[in-house]
């Protein structure tokens, strides 16, 4: 039995290491990484049975580490440990968790006892352990009324990156009507129109496009890290048209 602990915060990393040594010494040795790329290198070097991964880490996210680990060994037990229950992470996890795989998702405000208990449940008892707040986000994400389809999520990313309807149509191989339909569905699911105010003095109060981006940030559907990653994909697409990439 061995464990890989990946956490970029030194104090958290040392604290969890101490917990493992004190309460679960049979899970040793414990290999420690301070970023995602180092975590993946240590995994491939030592092939630990259990991984405790922070989600937001330098160089590579915990979710990307898990994706590559599970592609090589789907039965590996992983617990994601994060400050965040953002819907963007829940969506990403749904895409990478192999069928029948046992895993966990805990928030860092949980007690030491809960963390130790969750590790035992996932590794020894083969039970998934998902934080209640994360389960709520997951339920909303999977709901047909409130959850975004992949197509609607793509158009959200595109408008957050600043693309026009014409550019979205070209990038996603859509007609202008197709873009309009996706935007309408996106606005409905984000309830953008609920905030709209009509005034005789200035007309409509909000730009639906900008308001959708604001509500998506508030809901945790997008964040700065995601948009930085998507900017790279956008630059690659723009390079096909010999346009200057964005700074």
C-alpha atoms as a PDB file:
ATOM      1  CA  UNK A   1       0.000   0.000   0.000  1.00  0.00           C
ATOM      2  CA  UNK A   2       1.245   3.495  -0.819  1.00  0.00           C
ATOM      3  CA  UNK A   3      -0.183   7.005  -1.141  1.00  0.00           C
ATOM      4  CA  UNK A   4       0.432  10.049  -3.305  1.00  0.00           C
ATOM      5  CA  UNK A   5      -0.434  13.411  -1.742  1.00  0.00           C
ATOM      6  CA  UNK A   6      -0.514  16.349  -4.178  1.00  0.00           C
ATOM      7  CA  UNK A   7      -1.058  19.775  -2.610  1.00  0.00           C
ATOM      8  CA  UNK A   8       0.621  23.071  -3.485  1.00  0.00           C
ATOM      9  CA  UNK A   9       0.069  24.614  -0.039  1.00  0.00           C
ATOM     10  CA  UNK A  10       2.953  23.541   2.203  1.00  0.00           C
ATOM     11  CA  UNK A  11       0.999  23.764   5.462  1.00  0.00           C
ATOM     12  CA  UNK A  12      -1.910  21.701   4.142  1.00  0.00           C
ATOM     13  CA  UNK A  13       0.480  19.157   2.662  1.00  0.00           C
ATOM     14  CA  UNK A  14       2.385  18.729   5.919  1.00  0.00           C
ATOM     15  CA  UNK A  15      -0.821  18.575   7.960  1.00  0.00           C
ATOM     16  CA  UNK A  16      -2.380  15.826   5.848  1.00  0.00           C
ATOM     17  CA  UNK A  17       0.881  13.899   5.844  1.00  0.00           C
ATOM     18  CA  UNK A  18       0.878  14.012   9.646  1.00  0.00           C
ATOM     19  CA  UNK A  19      -2.736  12.795   9.735  1.00  0.00           C
ATOM     20  CA  UNK A  20      -1.915   9.853   7.512  1.00  0.00           C
ATOM     21  CA  UNK A  21       1.121   8.881   9.557  1.00  0.00           C
ATOM     22  CA  UNK A  22      -0.807   9.169  12.821  1.00  0.00           C
ATOM     23  CA  UNK A  23      -4.117   7.546  11.884  1.00  0.00           C
ATOM     24  CA  UNK A  24      -3.407   5.497   8.750  1.00  0.00           C
ATOM     25  CA  UNK A  25       0.237   4.414   8.895  1.00  0.00           C
ATOM     26  CA  UNK A  26      -0.619   1.352   6.797  1.00  0.00           C
ATOM     27  CA  UNK A  27      -1.183   3.727   3.860  1.00  0.00           C
ATOM     28  CA  UNK A  28       2.529   4.561   3.720  1.00  0.00           C
ATOM     29  CA  UNK A  29       4.882   5.311   2.224  1.00  0.00           C
ATOM     30  CA  UNK A  30       3.437   8.718   1.323  1.00  0.00           C
ATOM     31  CA  UNK A  31       4.902  10.450  -1.726  1.00  0.00           C
ATOM     32  CA  UNK A  32       4.322  14.203  -1.789  1.00  0.00           C
ATOM     33  CA  UNK A  33       4.044  16.607  -4.720  1.00  0.00           C
ATOM     34  CA  UNK A  34       3.647  20.384  -4.764  1.00  0.00           C
ATOM     35  CA  UNK A  35       2.174  20.635  -8.274  1.00  0.00           C
ATOM     36  CA  UNK A  36       0.251  18.531 -10.757  1.00  0.00           C
ATOM     37  CA  UNK A  37       3.111  17.719 -13.091  1.00  0.00           C
ATOM     38  CA  UNK A  38       5.266  16.479 -10.221  1.00  0.00           C
ATOM     39  CA  UNK A  39       2.315  14.408  -8.982  1.00  0.00           C
ATOM     40  CA  UNK A  40       1.964  12.658 -12.331  1.00  0.00           C
ATOM     41  CA  UNK A  41       5.696  11.945 -12.456  1.00  0.00           C
ATOM     42  CA  UNK A  42       5.618  10.452  -8.949  1.00  0.00           C
ATOM     43  CA  UNK A  43       2.580   8.362  -9.834  1.00  0.00           C
ATOM     44  CA  UNK A  44       4.298   6.856 -12.861  1.00  0.00           C
ATOM     45  CA  UNK A  45       7.433   6.222 -10.847  1.00  0.00           C
ATOM     46  CA  UNK A  46       5.826   4.567  -7.804  1.00  0.00           C
ATOM     47  CA  UNK A  47       2.295   3.518  -8.903  1.00  0.00           C
ATOM     48  CA  UNK A  48       0.621   4.269  -5.533  1.00  0.00           C
ATOM     49  CA  UNK A  49      -2.741   2.668  -4.729  1.00  0.00           C
ATOM     50  CA  UNK A  50      -4.335   5.869  -3.454  1.00  0.00           C
ATOM     51  CA  UNK A  51      -4.115   9.536  -4.489  1.00  0.00           C
ATOM     52  CA  UNK A  52      -5.251  12.589  -2.544  1.00  0.00           C
ATOM     53  CA  UNK A  53      -5.312  15.461  -5.031  1.00  0.00           C
ATOM     54  CA  UNK A  54      -5.859  19.162  -4.671  1.00  0.00           C
ATOM     55  CA  UNK A  55      -7.839  20.381  -7.682  1.00  0.00           C
ATOM     56  CA  UNK A  56      -6.226  23.776  -8.281  1.00  0.00           C
ATOM     57  CA  UNK A  57      -2.478  23.304  -8.571  1.00  0.00           C
ATOM     58  CA  UNK A  58       0.307  24.912 -10.601  1.00  0.00           C
ATOM     59  CA  UNK A  59       1.342  23.382 -13.937  1.00  0.00           C
ATOM     60  CA  UNK A  60      -1.449  20.790 -14.023  1.00  0.00           C
ATOM     61  CA  UNK A  61      -4.805  20.535 -12.246  1.00  0.00           C
ATOM     62  CA  UNK A  62      -5.717  17.632 -10.016  1.00  0.00           C
ATOM     63  CA  UNK A  63      -8.480  16.727 -12.457  1.00  0.00           C
ATOM     64  CA  UNK A  64      -6.009  16.470 -15.337  1.00  0.00           C
ATOM     65  CA  UNK A  65      -3.709  14.341 -13.169  1.00  0.00           C
ATOM     66  CA  UNK A  66      -6.651  12.048 -12.393  1.00  0.00           C
ATOM     67  CA  UNK A  67      -7.647  11.847 -16.055  1.00  0.00           C
ATOM     68  CA  UNK A  68      -4.213  10.579 -17.020  1.00  0.00           C
ATOM     69  CA  UNK A  69      -3.950   8.248 -14.017  1.00  0.00           C
ATOM     70  CA  UNK A  70      -7.354   6.696 -14.684  1.00  0.00           C
ATOM     71  CA  UNK A  71      -6.539   6.292 -18.374  1.00  0.00           C
ATOM     72  CA  UNK A  72      -3.612   4.113 -17.281  1.00  0.00           C
ATOM     73  CA  UNK A  73      -5.198   2.421 -14.250  1.00  0.00           C
ATOM     74  CA  UNK A  74      -8.996   2.918 -13.883  1.00  0.00           C
ATOM     75  CA  UNK A  75      -9.153   1.171 -10.502  1.00  0.00           C
ATOM     76  CA  UNK A  76      -6.877   3.702  -8.765  1.00  0.00           C
ATOM     77  CA  UNK A  77      -8.590   5.233  -5.728  1.00  0.00           C
ATOM     78  CA  UNK A  78      -8.615   9.040  -5.785  1.00  0.00           C
ATOM     79  CA  UNK A  79     -10.004  11.669  -3.430  1.00  0.00           C
ATOM     80  CA  UNK A  80     -10.219  15.244  -4.678  1.00  0.00           C
ATOM     81  CA  UNK A  81      -9.656  17.719  -1.859  1.00  0.00           C
ATOM     82  CA  UNK A  82     -10.419  21.348  -2.576  1.00  0.00           C
ATOM     83  CA  UNK A  83     -11.619  24.695  -1.284  1.00  0.00           C
ATOM     84  CA  UNK A  84     -14.020  24.788  -4.214  1.00  0.00           C
ATOM     85  CA  UNK A  85     -17.225  23.031  -5.234  1.00  0.00           C
ATOM     86  CA  UNK A  86     -17.446  24.936  -8.520  1.00  0.00           C
ATOM     87  CA  UNK A  87     -19.724  23.453 -11.138  1.00  0.00           C
ATOM     88  CA  UNK A  88     -16.922  23.648 -13.686  1.00  0.00           C
ATOM     89  CA  UNK A  89     -14.994  21.017 -11.703  1.00  0.00           C
ATOM     90  CA  UNK A  90     -18.045  18.812 -11.203  1.00  0.00           C
ATOM     91  CA  UNK A  91     -18.683  18.874 -14.967  1.00  0.00           C
ATOM     92  CA  UNK A  92     -15.074  17.961 -15.707  1.00  0.00           C
ATOM     93  CA  UNK A  93     -15.160  15.061 -13.256  1.00  0.00           C
ATOM     94  CA  UNK A  94     -18.251  13.601 -14.888  1.00  0.00           C
ATOM     95  CA  UNK A  95     -16.275  13.334 -18.111  1.00  0.00           C
ATOM     96  CA  UNK A  96     -13.272  11.488 -16.679  1.00  0.00           C
ATOM     97  CA  UNK A  97     -14.458   9.161 -13.894  1.00  0.00           C
ATOM     98  CA  UNK A  98     -14.363   5.594 -15.277  1.00  0.00           C
ATOM     99  CA  UNK A  99     -17.516   3.468 -14.875  1.00  0.00           C
ATOM    100  CA  UNK A 100     -17.802   1.766 -11.482  1.00  0.00           C
ATOM    101  CA  UNK A 101     -14.765   3.647 -10.146  1.00  0.00           C
ATOM    102  CA  UNK A 102     -14.791   4.556  -6.447  1.00  0.00           C
ATOM    103  CA  UNK A 103     -13.621   8.083  -5.648  1.00  0.00           C
ATOM    104  CA  UNK A 104     -14.212  10.996  -3.282  1.00  0.00           C
ATOM    105  CA  UNK A 105     -14.615  14.765  -3.370  1.00  0.00           C
ATOM    106  CA  UNK A 106     -14.171  16.631  -0.083  1.00  0.00           C
ATOM    107  CA  UNK A 107     -13.949  20.310   0.745  1.00  0.00           C
ATOM    108  CA  UNK A 108     -10.998  21.514   2.776  1.00  0.00           C
ATOM    109  CA  UNK A 109     -13.216  22.893   5.519  1.00  0.00           C
ATOM    110  CA  UNK A 110     -14.049  19.337   6.578  1.00  0.00           C
ATOM    111  CA  UNK A 111     -12.763  18.062   9.917  1.00  0.00           C
ATOM    112  CA  UNK A 112      -9.680  15.889  10.256  1.00  0.00           C
ATOM    113  CA  UNK A 113     -11.926  13.062  11.419  1.00  0.00           C
ATOM    114  CA  UNK A 114     -14.067  13.311   8.295  1.00  0.00           C
ATOM    115  CA  UNK A 115     -11.022  13.307   6.039  1.00  0.00           C
ATOM    116  CA  UNK A 116      -9.571  10.207   7.707  1.00  0.00           C
ATOM    117  CA  UNK A 117     -12.959   8.479   7.622  1.00  0.00           C
ATOM    118  CA  UNK A 118     -13.415   9.336   3.941  1.00  0.00           C
ATOM    119  CA  UNK A 119     -10.011   7.914   3.041  1.00  0.00           C
ATOM    120  CA  UNK A 120     -10.865   4.672   4.818  1.00  0.00           C
ATOM    121  CA  UNK A 121     -14.263   4.508   3.095  1.00  0.00           C
ATOM    122  CA  UNK A 122     -12.863   5.072  -0.399  1.00  0.00           C
ATOM    123  CA  UNK A 123      -9.767   2.892  -0.126  1.00  0.00           C
ATOM    124  CA  UNK A 124     -10.803   0.106   2.239  1.00  0.00           C
ATOM    125  CA  UNK A 125     -14.605  -0.036   2.002  1.00  0.00           C
ATOM    126  CA  UNK A 126     -14.826   0.862  -1.711  1.00  0.00           C
ATOM    127  CA  UNK A 127     -17.468   3.532  -1.086  1.00  0.00           C
ATOM    128  CA  UNK A 128     -17.720   6.871  -2.869  1.00  0.00           C
ATOM    129  CA  UNK A 129     -17.637   9.837  -0.487  1.00  0.00           C
ATOM    130  CA  UNK A 130     -18.907  13.120  -1.934  1.00  0.00           C
ATOM    131  CA  UNK A 131     -19.327  16.294   0.130  1.00  0.00           C
ATOM    132  CA  UNK A 132     -22.955  17.380   0.550  1.00  0.00           C
ATOM    133  CA  UNK A 133     -22.326  20.758  -1.102  1.00  0.00           C
ATOM    134  CA  UNK A 134     -20.680  19.033  -4.063  1.00  0.00           C
ATOM    135  CA  UNK A 135     -23.652  16.662  -4.368  1.00  0.00           C
ATOM    136  CA  UNK A 136     -25.956  19.678  -4.558  1.00  0.00           C
ATOM    137  CA  UNK A 137     -23.885  21.222  -7.339  1.00  0.00           C
ATOM    138  CA  UNK A 138     -23.826  17.884  -9.143  1.00  0.00           C
ATOM    139  CA  UNK A 139     -27.608  17.587  -8.908  1.00  0.00           C
ATOM    140  CA  UNK A 140     -28.064  21.036 -10.462  1.00  0.00           C
ATOM    141  CA  UNK A 141     -25.536  20.250 -13.175  1.00  0.00           C
ATOM    142  CA  UNK A 142     -27.334  17.037 -14.171  1.00  0.00           C
ATOM    143  CA  UNK A 143     -30.833  18.531 -14.000  1.00  0.00           C
ATOM    144  CA  UNK A 144     -32.371  18.927 -17.475  1.00  0.00           C
ATOM    145  CA  UNK A 145     -33.878  22.292 -16.556  1.00  0.00           C
ATOM    146  CA  UNK A 146     -30.834  23.917 -14.949  1.00  0.00           C
ATOM    147  CA  UNK A 147     -27.885  21.877 -16.226  1.00  0.00           C
ATOM    148  CA  UNK A 148     -26.096  22.997 -19.376  1.00  0.00           C
ATOM    149  CA  UNK A 149     -25.640  20.657 -22.301  1.00  0.00           C
ATOM    150  CA  UNK A 150     -22.174  20.418 -23.834  1.00  0.00           C
ATOM    151  CA  UNK A 151     -23.376  22.600 -26.726  1.00  0.00           C
ATOM    152  CA  UNK A 152     -24.689  25.283 -24.369  1.00  0.00           C
ATOM    153  CA  UNK A 153     -21.498  25.146 -22.340  1.00  0.00           C
ATOM    154  CA  UNK A 154     -19.420  25.660 -25.480  1.00  0.00           C
ATOM    155  CA  UNK A 155     -21.316  28.811 -26.388  1.00  0.00           C
ATOM    156  CA  UNK A 156     -20.912  30.078 -22.807  1.00  0.00           C
ATOM    157  CA  UNK A 157     -17.145  29.657 -23.121  1.00  0.00           C
ATOM    158  CA  UNK A 158     -17.181  31.413 -26.485  1.00  0.00           C
ATOM    159  CA  UNK A 159     -19.056  34.493 -25.290  1.00  0.00           C
ATOM    160  CA  UNK A 160     -16.879  34.640 -22.158  1.00  0.00           C
ATOM    161  CA  UNK A 161     -13.861  34.727 -24.488  1.00  0.00           C
ATOM    162  CA  UNK A 162     -15.486  37.629 -26.324  1.00  0.00           C
ATOM    163  CA  UNK A 163     -16.384  35.950 -29.622  1.00  0.00           C
ATOM    164  CA  UNK A 164     -19.070  37.410 -31.856  1.00  0.00           C
ATOM    165  CA  UNK A 165     -21.988  35.340 -33.123  1.00  0.00           C
ATOM    166  CA  UNK A 166     -20.294  35.098 -36.523  1.00  0.00           C
ATOM    167  CA  UNK A 167     -17.053  33.823 -34.981  1.00  0.00           C
ATOM    168  CA  UNK A 168     -18.926  31.303 -32.827  1.00  0.00           C
ATOM    169  CA  UNK A 169     -20.743  30.023 -35.905  1.00  0.00           C
ATOM    170  CA  UNK A 170     -17.438  29.533 -37.711  1.00  0.00           C
ATOM    171  CA  UNK A 171     -15.687  27.919 -34.755  1.00  0.00           C
ATOM    172  CA  UNK A 172     -18.528  25.513 -33.926  1.00  0.00           C
ATOM    173  CA  UNK A 173     -19.638  24.834 -37.525  1.00  0.00           C
ATOM    174  CA  UNK A 174     -23.066  26.345 -36.900  1.00  0.00           C
ATOM    175  CA  UNK A 175     -25.480  28.590 -38.724  1.00  0.00           C
ATOM    176  CA  UNK A 176     -26.272  31.977 -37.216  1.00  0.00           C
ATOM    177  CA  UNK A 177     -29.661  30.563 -36.241  1.00  0.00           C
ATOM    178  CA  UNK A 178     -27.910  27.682 -34.478  1.00  0.00           C
ATOM    179  CA  UNK A 179     -25.845  30.125 -32.425  1.00  0.00           C
ATOM    180  CA  UNK A 180     -28.961  32.136 -31.566  1.00  0.00           C
ATOM    181  CA  UNK A 181     -30.788  29.003 -30.412  1.00  0.00           C
ATOM    182  CA  UNK A 182     -27.915  27.923 -28.185  1.00  0.00           C
ATOM    183  CA  UNK A 183     -27.669  31.385 -26.667  1.00  0.00           C
ATOM    184  CA  UNK A 184     -31.411  31.435 -25.997  1.00  0.00           C
ATOM    185  CA  UNK A 185     -31.212  28.085 -24.199  1.00  0.00           C
ATOM    186  CA  UNK A 186     -28.199  29.291 -22.218  1.00  0.00           C
ATOM    187  CA  UNK A 187     -29.990  32.465 -21.129  1.00  0.00           C
ATOM    188  CA  UNK A 188     -33.045  30.454 -20.082  1.00  0.00           C
ATOM    189  CA  UNK A 189     -31.036  28.035 -17.936  1.00  0.00           C
ATOM    190  CA  UNK A 190     -29.065  30.831 -16.301  1.00  0.00           C
ATOM    191  CA  UNK A 191     -32.340  32.740 -15.787  1.00  0.00           C
ATOM    192  CA  UNK A 192     -30.809  35.834 -17.319  1.00  0.00           C
ATOM    193  CA  UNK A 193     -34.189  37.352 -18.156  1.00  0.00           C
ATOM    194  CA  UNK A 194     -35.191  37.304 -14.463  1.00  0.00           C
ATOM    195  CA  UNK A 195     -32.757  40.177 -13.849  1.00  0.00           C
ATOM    196  CA  UNK A 196     -33.854  42.245 -16.832  1.00  0.00           C
ATOM    197  CA  UNK A 197     -35.512  45.600 -16.148  1.00  0.00           C
ATOM    198  CA  UNK A 198     -37.220  47.687 -18.819  1.00  0.00           C
ATOM    199  CA  UNK A 199     -37.091  51.453 -18.385  1.00  0.00           C
ATOM    200  CA  UNK A 200     -38.822  54.139 -20.410  1.00  0.00           C
ATOM    201  CA  UNK A 201     -35.735  56.274 -19.885  1.00  0.00           C
ATOM    202  CA  UNK A 202     -32.992  53.916 -21.127  1.00  0.00           C
ATOM    203  CA  UNK A 203     -34.745  50.768 -22.354  1.00  0.00           C
ATOM    204  CA  UNK A 204     -33.320  47.405 -21.306  1.00  0.00           C
ATOM    205  CA  UNK A 205     -30.952  47.475 -18.344  1.00  0.00           C
ATOM    206  CA  UNK A 206     -28.648  44.553 -19.067  1.00  0.00           C
ATOM    207  CA  UNK A 207     -26.764  43.135 -22.007  1.00  0.00           C
ATOM    208  CA  UNK A 208     -27.955  39.518 -21.962  1.00  0.00           C
ATOM    209  CA  UNK A 209     -24.531  38.341 -23.091  1.00  0.00           C
ATOM    210  CA  UNK A 210     -22.623  40.133 -20.344  1.00  0.00           C
ATOM    211  CA  UNK A 211     -25.205  39.215 -17.716  1.00  0.00           C
ATOM    212  CA  UNK A 212     -24.959  35.531 -18.654  1.00  0.00           C
ATOM    213  CA  UNK A 213     -21.197  35.644 -18.120  1.00  0.00           C
ATOM    214  CA  UNK A 214     -21.660  37.306 -14.727  1.00  0.00           C
ATOM    215  CA  UNK A 215     -24.210  34.694 -13.605  1.00  0.00           C
ATOM    216  CA  UNK A 216     -22.025  31.865 -14.903  1.00  0.00           C
ATOM    217  CA  UNK A 217     -19.119  33.130 -12.780  1.00  0.00           C
ATOM    218  CA  UNK A 218     -21.409  33.407  -9.762  1.00  0.00           C
ATOM    219  CA  UNK A 219     -22.670  29.858 -10.253  1.00  0.00           C
ATOM    220  CA  UNK A 220     -19.147  28.482 -10.650  1.00  0.00           C
ATOM    221  CA  UNK A 221     -19.640  27.359 -14.247  1.00  0.00           C
ATOM    222  CA  UNK A 222     -16.560  29.273 -15.363  1.00  0.00           C
ATOM    223  CA  UNK A 223     -13.547  30.767 -13.629  1.00  0.00           C
ATOM    224  CA  UNK A 224     -10.314  32.529 -14.536  1.00  0.00           C
ATOM    225  CA  UNK A 225      -8.284  29.314 -14.653  1.00  0.00           C
ATOM    226  CA  UNK A 226     -10.698  27.704 -17.110  1.00  0.00           C
ATOM    227  CA  UNK A 227     -10.738  30.762 -19.360  1.00  0.00           C
ATOM    228  CA  UNK A 228      -6.936  30.891 -19.393  1.00  0.00           C
ATOM    229  CA  UNK A 229      -6.921  27.282 -20.607  1.00  0.00           C
ATOM    230  CA  UNK A 230      -9.646  27.962 -23.168  1.00  0.00           C
ATOM    231  CA  UNK A 231      -7.701  30.996 -24.421  1.00  0.00           C
ATOM    232  CA  UNK A 232      -4.960  28.607 -25.528  1.00  0.00           C
ATOM    233  CA  UNK A 233      -7.466  26.573 -27.557  1.00  0.00           C
ATOM    234  CA  UNK A 234      -8.861  29.778 -29.040  1.00  0.00           C
ATOM    235  CA  UNK A 235      -5.394  30.977 -30.057  1.00  0.00           C
ATOM    236  CA  UNK A 236      -4.816  27.644 -31.787  1.00  0.00           C
ATOM    237  CA  UNK A 237      -8.087  27.983 -33.708  1.00  0.00           C
ATOM    238  CA  UNK A 238      -7.339  31.579 -34.684  1.00  0.00           C
ATOM    239  CA  UNK A 239      -3.902  30.586 -35.970  1.00  0.00           C
ATOM    240  CA  UNK A 240      -5.587  28.620 -38.761  1.00  0.00           C
ATOM    241  CA  UNK A 241      -6.871  31.901 -40.129  1.00  0.00           C
ATOM    242  CA  UNK A 242      -3.509  33.619 -39.734  1.00  0.00           C
ATOM    243  CA  UNK A 243      -4.903  36.013 -37.176  1.00  0.00           C
ATOM    244  CA  UNK A 244      -2.827  37.408 -34.363  1.00  0.00           C
ATOM    245  CA  UNK A 245      -3.421  35.467 -31.101  1.00  0.00           C
ATOM    246  CA  UNK A 246      -4.748  37.443 -28.177  1.00  0.00           C
ATOM    247  CA  UNK A 247      -2.264  38.632 -25.543  1.00  0.00           C
END
